[in-house]
Protein backbone atom coordinates (compact mmCIF):
# COMPACT_ATOMS: atom_id res chain seq x y z
CA MET A 1 -2.28 -6.04 -7.84
CA LYS A 2 1.00 -5.61 -9.96
CA THR A 3 0.50 -1.86 -10.15
CA ASP A 4 -0.24 -1.59 -6.50
CA ILE A 5 3.02 -3.48 -5.56
CA GLU A 6 4.97 -1.41 -8.16
CA PHE A 7 3.53 1.88 -6.78
CA HIS A 8 4.82 1.11 -3.26
CA ARG A 9 8.17 -0.23 -4.61
CA ILE A 10 8.91 2.90 -6.40
CA LEU A 11 8.26 4.95 -3.24
CA PHE A 12 10.61 2.69 -1.25
CA LEU A 13 13.23 3.01 -3.91
CA THR A 14 13.11 6.87 -3.88
CA ALA A 15 14.73 6.67 -0.35
CA LYS A 16 17.71 4.96 -1.73
CA ASN A 17 17.96 2.79 1.37
CA PRO A 18 18.36 -0.92 0.72
CA ILE A 19 16.61 -1.75 4.07
CA PHE A 20 13.38 -0.21 2.65
CA ASN A 21 13.65 -2.22 -0.53
CA ALA A 22 14.27 -5.38 1.52
CA GLY A 23 11.37 -4.64 3.78
CA HIS A 24 9.10 -4.09 0.72
CA THR A 25 10.25 -7.43 -0.67
CA ALA A 26 9.44 -9.32 2.44
CA LEU A 27 6.12 -7.59 2.82
CA VAL A 28 5.09 -8.42 -0.74
CA GLY A 29 6.15 -12.09 -0.14
CA TRP A 30 3.77 -12.14 2.93
CA LEU A 31 1.00 -10.31 1.17
CA MET A 32 1.11 -12.61 -1.98
CA GLY A 33 0.31 -15.62 0.21
CA ARG A 34 -2.72 -13.96 1.54
CA TRP A 35 -3.96 -11.79 -1.33
CA ALA A 36 -6.11 -14.64 -2.61
CA MET A 37 -8.02 -14.62 0.67
CA ILE A 38 -9.05 -11.03 0.35
CA GLU A 39 -12.20 -9.92 -1.52
CA ARG A 40 -11.12 -7.28 -3.99
CA ASN A 41 -14.01 -5.45 -5.67
CA ASP A 42 -14.64 -2.12 -7.44
CA LYS A 43 -14.97 -0.38 -4.01
CA THR A 44 -11.62 -1.65 -2.56
CA GLU A 45 -9.80 -1.21 -5.93
CA THR A 46 -11.22 2.45 -6.16
CA LEU A 47 -10.22 3.20 -2.64
CA ALA A 48 -6.66 1.93 -3.25
CA HIS A 49 -6.39 3.92 -6.47
CA GLN A 50 -7.69 7.12 -4.72
CA GLY A 51 -5.20 6.64 -2.07
CA HIS A 52 -2.31 6.35 -4.59
CA VAL A 53 -3.43 9.32 -6.42
CA GLN A 54 -3.48 11.40 -3.20
CA ILE A 55 -0.09 10.29 -2.26
CA ALA A 56 1.30 10.93 -5.77
CA ASN A 57 -0.18 14.42 -5.84
CA ALA A 58 1.28 15.34 -2.51
CA ILE A 59 4.69 14.12 -3.62
CA GLU A 60 4.45 16.12 -6.92
CA LYS A 61 3.44 19.26 -4.98
CA GLY A 62 6.63 18.77 -2.70
CA ASP A 63 4.40 18.50 0.39
CA PRO A 64 5.80 15.79 2.69
CA ASP A 65 3.26 16.38 5.41
CA ALA A 66 0.32 15.93 2.94
CA ALA A 67 2.07 12.80 1.57
CA GLU A 68 2.55 11.20 5.00
CA LYS A 69 -1.02 12.08 5.85
CA ALA A 70 -2.15 10.49 2.54
CA MET A 71 -0.08 7.47 3.06
CA ASN A 72 -1.35 6.82 6.51
CA LYS A 73 -4.81 7.24 5.43
CA HIS A 74 -4.25 4.76 2.47
CA LEU A 75 -2.55 2.16 4.69
CA SER A 76 -5.10 2.45 7.33
CA SER A 77 -8.08 1.97 4.86
CA SER A 78 -6.36 -0.89 3.23
CA TRP A 79 -5.50 -2.59 6.54
CA ALA A 80 -9.09 -2.27 7.65
CA VAL A 81 -10.06 -4.36 4.59
CA TRP A 82 -7.33 -6.96 5.29
CA VAL A 83 -7.97 -7.31 9.12
CA ARG A 84 -11.59 -8.09 8.56
CA GLN A 85 -10.98 -10.80 6.02
CA ILE A 86 -7.85 -12.65 6.90
CA PRO A 87 -8.60 -15.65 8.86
CA LYS A 88 -7.19 -15.61 12.56
CA LYS A 89 -4.82 -18.40 13.70
CA PRO A 90 -6.43 -20.82 16.12
């Protein structure tokens, strides 16, 4: 969990825009309150790690289109796990 948060924080910091860092801080605060509700297993952790690797590889190659595609894929797959498990408000 800590490395996941740090990975995304570093990406936000590279933009050198304090709004992104503030947004990340707010999102992490929201996530931490819900993370305990989410089943995290080898499959979800591997999926998240693979997403991070794809994003990092695209950045390393200097390919912003591939980085955007990898980030969208990563966030979509992660959100799919979350949306299935977070209890809905009555």
